[in-house]
């Protein structure tokens, strides 16, 4: 998954789905009309998660929308951008093994 594709997917959703649409079904119907074939399934899943979190931040419990793999991916992007990819990072307190797996898989570990 490419970070620029994730950002692009969220921007497409945000720019082309009317703000007045406020339920997931109507948003899904509107999204069907968009050209999203150039994105991988993973980019779309993460893009929609971030789109929903952004669009409905005042009405959603974010932890129900952003899954540990999405958070792990975002953590990996930030770690990479900060130049910490070669550092050894371990948090034994983490209760989400899939979060750690997603983080490590970004770096091919």
N, C-alpha and C. Protein backbone atom coordinates (compact mmCIF):
# COMPACT_ATOMS: atom_id res chain seq x y z
N UNK A 1 0.84 -1.17 0.00
CA UNK A 1 0.00 0.00 0.00
C UNK A 1 0.89 1.24 0.00
N UNK A 2 0.59 2.15 -0.89
CA UNK A 2 1.37 3.38 -1.00
C UNK A 2 0.69 4.49 -0.21
N UNK A 3 1.45 5.22 0.62
CA UNK A 3 0.86 6.30 1.41
C UNK A 3 0.16 7.34 0.55
N UNK A 4 0.76 7.66 -0.60
CA UNK A 4 0.15 8.69 -1.44
C UNK A 4 -1.20 8.23 -1.99
N UNK A 5 -1.36 6.92 -2.21
CA UNK A 5 -2.66 6.40 -2.67
C UNK A 5 -3.71 6.48 -1.58
N UNK A 6 -3.29 6.25 -0.34
CA UNK A 6 -4.22 6.36 0.79
C UNK A 6 -4.73 7.79 0.91
N UNK A 7 -3.83 8.73 0.84
CA UNK A 7 -4.21 10.15 0.91
C UNK A 7 -5.10 10.52 -0.27
N UNK A 8 -4.74 10.05 -1.45
CA UNK A 8 -5.54 10.34 -2.65
C UNK A 8 -6.95 9.76 -2.54
N UNK A 9 -7.07 8.54 -2.03
CA UNK A 9 -8.38 7.92 -1.87
C UNK A 9 -9.27 8.72 -0.92
N UNK A 10 -8.70 9.15 0.19
CA UNK A 10 -9.48 9.95 1.16
C UNK A 10 -9.89 11.28 0.54
N UNK A 11 -9.00 11.91 -0.21
CA UNK A 11 -9.33 13.19 -0.85
C UNK A 11 -10.44 13.02 -1.89
N UNK A 12 -10.38 11.94 -2.67
CA UNK A 12 -11.43 11.69 -3.66
C UNK A 12 -12.78 11.52 -2.97
N UNK A 13 -12.79 10.71 -1.91
CA UNK A 13 -14.05 10.50 -1.17
C UNK A 13 -14.55 11.81 -0.59
N UNK A 14 -13.66 12.57 0.03
CA UNK A 14 -14.06 13.82 0.68
C UNK A 14 -14.54 14.86 -0.33
N UNK A 15 -13.90 14.90 -1.50
CA UNK A 15 -14.27 15.91 -2.50
C UNK A 15 -15.52 15.55 -3.30
N UNK A 16 -15.85 14.25 -3.41
CA UNK A 16 -16.93 13.84 -4.29
C UNK A 16 -18.16 13.28 -3.59
N UNK A 17 -18.09 13.10 -2.30
CA UNK A 17 -19.28 12.63 -1.57
C UNK A 17 -19.85 13.83 -0.83
N UNK A 18 -21.08 14.20 -1.18
CA UNK A 18 -21.68 15.40 -0.59
C UNK A 18 -21.72 15.36 0.94
N UNK A 19 -21.47 16.49 1.53
CA UNK A 19 -21.44 16.60 3.01
C UNK A 19 -22.79 16.26 3.63
N UNK A 20 -23.87 16.48 2.86
CA UNK A 20 -25.19 16.22 3.43
C UNK A 20 -25.50 14.73 3.57
N UNK A 21 -24.74 13.88 2.90
CA UNK A 21 -24.93 12.44 3.07
C UNK A 21 -24.34 12.06 4.43
N UNK A 22 -25.19 11.53 5.29
CA UNK A 22 -24.70 11.28 6.64
C UNK A 22 -24.98 9.87 7.15
N UNK A 23 -25.25 8.95 6.25
CA UNK A 23 -25.38 7.57 6.70
C UNK A 23 -24.54 6.68 5.78
N UNK A 24 -24.01 5.59 6.32
CA UNK A 24 -23.11 4.74 5.54
C UNK A 24 -23.71 4.21 4.24
N UNK A 25 -25.00 3.89 4.22
CA UNK A 25 -25.61 3.35 3.00
C UNK A 25 -25.62 4.37 1.87
N UNK A 26 -25.99 5.60 2.16
CA UNK A 26 -26.01 6.62 1.11
C UNK A 26 -24.58 6.96 0.65
N UNK A 27 -23.64 6.91 1.57
CA UNK A 27 -22.25 7.16 1.20
C UNK A 27 -21.74 6.03 0.31
N UNK A 28 -22.11 4.79 0.64
CA UNK A 28 -21.70 3.65 -0.19
C UNK A 28 -22.28 3.77 -1.60
N UNK A 29 -23.53 4.21 -1.71
CA UNK A 29 -24.15 4.39 -3.02
C UNK A 29 -23.43 5.47 -3.82
N UNK A 30 -23.08 6.56 -3.16
CA UNK A 30 -22.36 7.65 -3.84
C UNK A 30 -20.96 7.18 -4.25
N UNK A 31 -20.31 6.38 -3.42
CA UNK A 31 -18.96 5.91 -3.71
C UNK A 31 -18.93 4.96 -4.91
N UNK A 32 -20.03 4.25 -5.15
CA UNK A 32 -20.09 3.34 -6.29
C UNK A 32 -19.92 4.08 -7.62
N UNK A 33 -20.27 5.34 -7.64
CA UNK A 33 -20.19 6.14 -8.86
C UNK A 33 -18.79 6.70 -9.10
N UNK A 34 -17.92 6.56 -8.12
CA UNK A 34 -16.57 7.13 -8.24
C UNK A 34 -15.62 6.14 -8.90
N UNK A 35 -14.61 6.66 -9.53
CA UNK A 35 -13.58 5.84 -10.17
C UNK A 35 -12.52 5.50 -9.13
N UNK A 36 -12.63 4.29 -8.57
CA UNK A 36 -11.71 3.87 -7.51
C UNK A 36 -10.96 2.59 -7.88
N UNK A 37 -10.98 2.22 -9.14
CA UNK A 37 -10.38 0.96 -9.58
C UNK A 37 -8.86 0.95 -9.50
N UNK A 38 -8.25 2.10 -9.41
CA UNK A 38 -6.78 2.17 -9.36
C UNK A 38 -6.22 1.93 -7.97
N UNK A 39 -7.11 1.74 -6.99
CA UNK A 39 -6.68 1.53 -5.61
C UNK A 39 -6.80 0.06 -5.24
N UNK A 40 -5.89 -0.39 -4.40
CA UNK A 40 -5.96 -1.77 -3.91
C UNK A 40 -7.08 -1.86 -2.88
N UNK A 41 -7.48 -3.08 -2.58
CA UNK A 41 -8.53 -3.28 -1.58
C UNK A 41 -8.09 -2.71 -0.23
N UNK A 42 -6.84 -2.92 0.12
CA UNK A 42 -6.32 -2.42 1.38
C UNK A 42 -6.35 -0.89 1.43
N UNK A 43 -5.99 -0.25 0.33
CA UNK A 43 -6.03 1.22 0.28
C UNK A 43 -7.45 1.73 0.42
N UNK A 44 -8.40 1.03 -0.18
CA UNK A 44 -9.80 1.46 -0.07
C UNK A 44 -10.35 1.26 1.33
N UNK A 45 -10.05 0.12 1.93
CA UNK A 45 -10.53 -0.14 3.30
C UNK A 45 -9.98 0.92 4.25
N UNK A 46 -8.68 1.14 4.20
CA UNK A 46 -8.07 2.15 5.07
C UNK A 46 -8.54 3.56 4.72
N UNK A 47 -8.70 3.82 3.43
CA UNK A 47 -9.20 5.13 2.99
C UNK A 47 -10.61 5.41 3.50
N UNK A 48 -11.48 4.41 3.39
CA UNK A 48 -12.85 4.59 3.90
C UNK A 48 -12.86 4.76 5.41
N UNK A 49 -12.03 3.99 6.12
CA UNK A 49 -11.95 4.14 7.57
C UNK A 49 -11.55 5.56 7.95
N UNK A 50 -10.53 6.08 7.28
CA UNK A 50 -10.08 7.44 7.58
C UNK A 50 -11.11 8.48 7.15
N UNK A 51 -11.77 8.24 6.02
CA UNK A 51 -12.81 9.15 5.55
C UNK A 51 -13.94 9.23 6.58
N UNK A 52 -14.41 8.07 7.04
CA UNK A 52 -15.49 8.07 8.03
C UNK A 52 -15.05 8.73 9.34
N UNK A 53 -13.83 8.46 9.76
CA UNK A 53 -13.33 9.08 10.99
C UNK A 53 -13.27 10.59 10.85
N UNK A 54 -12.85 11.07 9.69
CA UNK A 54 -12.76 12.51 9.44
C UNK A 54 -14.14 13.13 9.31
N UNK A 55 -14.99 12.51 8.52
CA UNK A 55 -16.31 13.08 8.22
C UNK A 55 -17.23 13.11 9.44
N UNK A 56 -17.14 12.06 10.27
CA UNK A 56 -18.08 11.93 11.39
C UNK A 56 -17.40 11.95 12.75
N UNK A 57 -16.28 12.66 12.84
CA UNK A 57 -15.53 12.65 14.09
C UNK A 57 -16.35 13.12 15.29
N UNK A 58 -17.31 13.98 15.06
CA UNK A 58 -18.12 14.48 16.17
C UNK A 58 -19.24 13.52 16.56
N UNK A 59 -19.52 12.51 15.72
CA UNK A 59 -20.64 11.62 16.01
C UNK A 59 -20.26 10.15 16.18
N UNK A 60 -19.02 9.81 15.92
CA UNK A 60 -18.60 8.42 16.01
C UNK A 60 -17.63 8.21 17.15
N UNK A 61 -17.67 7.00 17.67
CA UNK A 61 -16.62 6.59 18.57
C UNK A 61 -15.53 6.04 17.67
N UNK A 62 -14.45 6.79 17.56
CA UNK A 62 -13.41 6.50 16.58
C UNK A 62 -12.87 5.08 16.72
N UNK A 63 -12.76 4.58 17.94
CA UNK A 63 -12.18 3.25 18.09
C UNK A 63 -13.05 2.17 17.46
N UNK A 64 -14.29 2.48 17.13
CA UNK A 64 -15.15 1.52 16.44
C UNK A 64 -14.94 1.56 14.93
N UNK A 65 -14.28 2.54 14.42
CA UNK A 65 -14.10 2.69 12.98
C UNK A 65 -12.66 2.45 12.53
N UNK A 66 -11.71 2.91 13.30
CA UNK A 66 -10.32 2.73 12.91
C UNK A 66 -9.80 1.49 13.63
N UNK A 67 -9.55 0.46 12.87
CA UNK A 67 -9.13 -0.82 13.43
C UNK A 67 -7.64 -0.81 13.73
N UNK A 68 -7.20 -1.73 14.58
CA UNK A 68 -5.76 -1.79 14.87
C UNK A 68 -4.88 -1.89 13.62
N UNK A 69 -5.27 -2.65 12.56
CA UNK A 69 -4.40 -2.64 11.38
C UNK A 69 -4.27 -1.27 10.73
N UNK A 70 -5.35 -0.48 10.73
CA UNK A 70 -5.26 0.87 10.15
C UNK A 70 -4.33 1.73 11.00
N UNK A 71 -4.48 1.63 12.31
CA UNK A 71 -3.62 2.40 13.21
C UNK A 71 -2.16 1.94 13.05
N UNK A 72 -1.96 0.63 12.92
CA UNK A 72 -0.61 0.10 12.72
C UNK A 72 0.02 0.63 11.45
N UNK A 73 -0.79 0.70 10.40
CA UNK A 73 -0.28 1.23 9.13
C UNK A 73 0.10 2.71 9.28
N UNK A 74 -0.75 3.48 9.94
CA UNK A 74 -0.45 4.90 10.15
C UNK A 74 0.79 5.08 11.03
N UNK A 75 0.92 4.22 12.05
CA UNK A 75 2.12 4.27 12.89
C UNK A 75 3.37 4.01 12.06
N UNK A 76 3.28 3.04 11.16
CA UNK A 76 4.42 2.71 10.32
C UNK A 76 4.78 3.87 9.40
N UNK A 77 3.77 4.53 8.85
CA UNK A 77 4.04 5.68 7.97
C UNK A 77 4.74 6.80 8.74
N UNK A 78 4.25 7.09 9.93
CA UNK A 78 4.86 8.15 10.74
C UNK A 78 6.29 7.76 11.13
N UNK A 79 6.47 6.51 11.54
CA UNK A 79 7.80 6.03 11.92
C UNK A 79 8.77 6.17 10.75
N UNK A 80 8.31 5.79 9.57
CA UNK A 80 9.15 5.89 8.38
C UNK A 80 9.49 7.34 8.05
N UNK A 81 8.49 8.23 8.12
CA UNK A 81 8.70 9.64 7.80
C UNK A 81 9.65 10.31 8.79
N UNK A 82 9.64 9.83 10.05
CA UNK A 82 10.52 10.39 11.07
C UNK A 82 11.93 9.80 11.01
N UNK A 83 12.14 8.86 10.09
CA UNK A 83 13.45 8.25 9.95
C UNK A 83 13.78 7.23 11.03
N UNK A 84 12.75 6.66 11.64
CA UNK A 84 12.97 5.71 12.73
C UNK A 84 12.78 4.26 12.30
N UNK A 85 12.70 4.02 11.01
CA UNK A 85 12.41 2.67 10.52
C UNK A 85 13.46 1.65 10.93
N UNK A 86 14.70 2.09 11.14
CA UNK A 86 15.77 1.16 11.49
C UNK A 86 15.90 0.97 13.00
N UNK A 87 15.11 1.70 13.77
CA UNK A 87 15.14 1.58 15.22
C UNK A 87 14.34 0.35 15.66
N UNK A 88 14.69 -0.19 16.81
CA UNK A 88 13.92 -1.31 17.35
C UNK A 88 12.85 -0.73 18.27
N UNK A 89 11.61 -0.97 17.89
CA UNK A 89 10.49 -0.43 18.66
C UNK A 89 9.65 -1.60 19.14
N UNK A 90 9.41 -1.68 20.43
CA UNK A 90 8.60 -2.77 20.97
C UNK A 90 7.78 -2.23 22.13
N UNK A 91 6.51 -2.57 22.14
CA UNK A 91 5.63 -2.17 23.22
C UNK A 91 4.95 -3.42 23.76
N UNK A 92 5.48 -4.02 24.82
CA UNK A 92 4.89 -5.24 25.34
C UNK A 92 3.51 -5.04 25.96
N UNK A 93 3.11 -3.80 26.17
CA UNK A 93 1.80 -3.50 26.74
C UNK A 93 0.68 -3.53 25.71
N UNK A 94 1.02 -3.57 24.45
CA UNK A 94 0.01 -3.55 23.40
C UNK A 94 -0.87 -4.78 23.49
N UNK A 95 -2.19 -4.56 23.43
CA UNK A 95 -3.14 -5.68 23.53
C UNK A 95 -3.66 -6.11 22.17
N UNK A 96 -3.18 -5.50 21.10
CA UNK A 96 -3.65 -5.83 19.76
C UNK A 96 -2.51 -6.45 18.95
N UNK A 97 -2.44 -7.78 18.86
CA UNK A 97 -1.36 -8.36 18.07
C UNK A 97 -1.44 -7.97 16.60
N UNK A 98 -2.65 -7.76 16.08
CA UNK A 98 -2.75 -7.37 14.67
C UNK A 98 -2.20 -5.97 14.42
N UNK A 99 -2.21 -5.12 15.45
CA UNK A 99 -1.60 -3.80 15.33
C UNK A 99 -0.09 -3.95 15.13
N UNK A 100 0.54 -4.80 15.95
CA UNK A 100 1.97 -5.03 15.82
C UNK A 100 2.30 -5.69 14.48
N UNK A 101 1.47 -6.64 14.08
CA UNK A 101 1.70 -7.33 12.81
C UNK A 101 1.64 -6.37 11.64
N UNK A 102 0.65 -5.49 11.63
CA UNK A 102 0.51 -4.52 10.54
C UNK A 102 1.71 -3.57 10.52
N UNK A 103 2.12 -3.14 11.69
CA UNK A 103 3.27 -2.24 11.80
C UNK A 103 4.52 -2.92 11.24
N UNK A 104 4.78 -4.15 11.69
CA UNK A 104 5.98 -4.87 11.25
C UNK A 104 5.91 -5.23 9.77
N UNK A 105 4.72 -5.59 9.28
CA UNK A 105 4.61 -6.00 7.88
C UNK A 105 4.89 -4.85 6.92
N UNK A 106 4.67 -3.63 7.38
CA UNK A 106 5.00 -2.47 6.53
C UNK A 106 6.48 -2.44 6.21
N UNK A 107 7.29 -2.91 7.15
CA UNK A 107 8.73 -2.89 6.96
C UNK A 107 9.26 -4.24 6.51
N UNK A 108 8.35 -5.16 6.17
CA UNK A 108 8.77 -6.46 5.68
C UNK A 108 9.39 -7.34 6.75
N UNK A 109 8.97 -7.16 8.00
CA UNK A 109 9.53 -7.94 9.12
C UNK A 109 8.48 -8.88 9.67
